[in-house]
Amino acid sequence: MCIALPMKVLKVEEMKALCERSGRRMEVDCSMIDPPAADEWLLVFQERAIRAVSAEEAAEIEAALGATALAMTGEADEAAIRAGFGDLIDREPELPPHLRAQVGRRLE
């Protein structure tokens, strides 16, 4: 599975940015986006910036990644699912059945 991750820009030099996520630093190629500024957030895939994201969107992505990790290990509870996927609980497309079951929703 391939997932783009939110990373915070620490420093920018030409078409590269030094970014950090969870204490891990990485030099990111920014040649395909507008030049970022320090303290901005980027969505990064394979050491390349895909696009800039807001701090709020970066936090939502992190919450979804955390809930996904818990679900994969069988440790997710209703609070974790709501925290990570709250925006999907009461709208289309819905959560997949195995996650809906963890938030007390019956399958039709």
Protein backbone atom coordinates (compact mmCIF):
# COMPACT_ATOMS: atom_id res chain seq x y z
CA MET A 1 0.00 0.00 0.00
CA CYS A 2 1.26 3.47 -0.85
CA ILE A 3 0.38 6.37 1.40
CA ALA A 4 1.37 10.02 1.24
CA LEU A 5 2.29 11.46 4.63
CA PRO A 6 1.99 14.99 6.00
CA MET A 7 5.34 16.55 6.82
CA LYS A 8 6.20 19.94 8.30
CA VAL A 9 8.67 22.12 6.40
CA LEU A 10 11.67 23.10 8.51
CA LYS A 11 13.87 24.76 5.89
CA VAL A 12 13.70 25.42 2.14
CA GLU A 13 16.63 25.51 -0.31
CA GLU A 14 15.91 25.95 -4.01
CA MET A 15 13.57 23.10 -5.01
CA LYS A 16 14.13 21.02 -1.89
CA ALA A 17 12.75 21.26 1.62
CA LEU A 18 13.96 19.72 4.84
CA CYS A 19 10.78 18.28 6.39
CA GLU A 20 9.93 16.43 9.57
CA ARG A 21 7.26 13.97 10.71
CA SER A 22 7.28 12.27 14.10
CA GLY A 23 10.93 13.16 14.68
CA ARG A 24 12.09 11.78 11.33
CA ARG A 25 13.66 14.29 8.97
CA MET A 26 13.76 13.96 5.22
CA GLU A 27 14.87 16.05 2.27
CA VAL A 28 11.83 16.44 0.01
CA ASP A 29 11.79 17.30 -3.70
CA CYS A 30 9.46 20.28 -4.18
CA SER A 31 9.99 20.76 -7.92
CA MET A 32 6.37 19.89 -8.80
CA ILE A 33 4.68 22.39 -6.44
CA ASP A 34 4.91 26.08 -5.63
CA PRO A 35 7.86 26.70 -3.30
CA PRO A 36 6.79 26.16 0.31
CA ALA A 37 7.81 28.25 3.30
CA ALA A 38 9.15 27.10 6.64
CA ASP A 39 6.41 25.91 9.03
CA GLU A 40 4.05 24.96 6.18
CA TRP A 41 2.83 21.40 5.72
CA LEU A 42 3.31 19.20 2.66
CA LEU A 43 1.78 15.91 1.63
CA VAL A 44 4.81 13.77 0.72
CA PHE A 45 5.05 10.53 -1.23
CA GLN A 46 8.39 8.82 -1.89
CA GLU A 47 10.41 11.91 -0.93
CA ARG A 48 8.41 14.15 -3.29
CA ALA A 49 5.93 16.84 -2.32
CA ILE A 50 2.53 16.20 -3.89
CA ARG A 51 0.84 19.35 -2.59
CA ALA A 52 0.70 21.77 0.30
CA VAL A 53 -1.85 21.04 3.05
CA SER A 54 -3.15 23.11 5.94
CA ALA A 55 -2.17 22.27 9.50
CA GLU A 56 -5.77 21.15 10.05
CA GLU A 57 -5.70 18.75 7.09
CA ALA A 58 -2.32 17.40 8.23
CA ALA A 59 -3.84 16.70 11.67
CA GLU A 60 -6.85 14.94 10.09
CA ILE A 61 -4.54 12.75 8.00
CA GLU A 62 -2.45 11.90 11.08
CA ALA A 63 -5.61 10.96 13.01
CA ALA A 64 -6.76 8.72 10.15
CA LEU A 65 -3.34 7.06 9.95
CA GLY A 66 -3.37 6.45 13.70
CA ALA A 67 -6.87 4.94 13.59
CA THR A 68 -5.85 2.78 10.62
CA ALA A 69 -2.83 1.46 12.51
CA LEU A 70 -5.02 0.59 15.50
CA ALA A 71 -7.62 -1.09 13.28
CA MET A 72 -4.91 -3.16 11.59
CA THR A 73 -3.74 -4.50 14.95
CA GLY A 74 -7.28 -5.05 16.23
CA GLU A 75 -6.85 -2.44 18.95
CA ALA A 76 -9.23 0.21 17.59
CA ASP A 77 -12.20 1.14 19.73
CA GLU A 78 -15.10 3.45 18.99
CA ALA A 79 -13.20 6.53 20.18
CA ALA A 80 -10.25 5.78 17.89
CA ILE A 81 -12.49 5.20 14.88
CA ARG A 82 -14.48 8.38 15.55
CA ALA A 83 -11.24 10.37 16.01
CA GLY A 84 -9.71 9.08 12.80
CA PHE A 85 -12.75 8.73 10.55
CA GLY A 86 -15.40 10.97 12.09
CA ASP A 87 -15.93 12.71 8.76
CA LEU A 88 -16.94 9.37 7.16
CA ILE A 89 -19.33 8.03 9.80
CA ASP A 90 -22.54 9.74 8.70
CA ARG A 91 -22.02 10.38 5.01
CA GLU A 92 -21.43 8.65 1.67
CA PRO A 93 -19.16 6.89 1.05
CA GLU A 94 -19.59 5.24 4.41
CA LEU A 95 -16.99 3.57 6.53
CA PRO A 96 -16.31 0.00 5.44
CA PRO A 97 -18.39 -2.60 7.30
CA HIS A 98 -15.59 -3.72 9.64
CA LEU A 99 -15.10 -0.15 10.88
CA ARG A 100 -18.83 0.67 11.04
CA ALA A 101 -19.25 -2.29 13.36
CA GLN A 102 -16.86 -0.65 15.82
CA VAL A 103 -18.98 2.50 16.13
CA GLY A 104 -22.22 0.71 16.96
CA ARG A 105 -23.77 0.99 13.49
CA ARG A 106 -25.66 -1.99 12.21
CA LEU A 107 -25.20 -3.06 8.64
CA GLU A 108 -28.29 -2.82 6.50
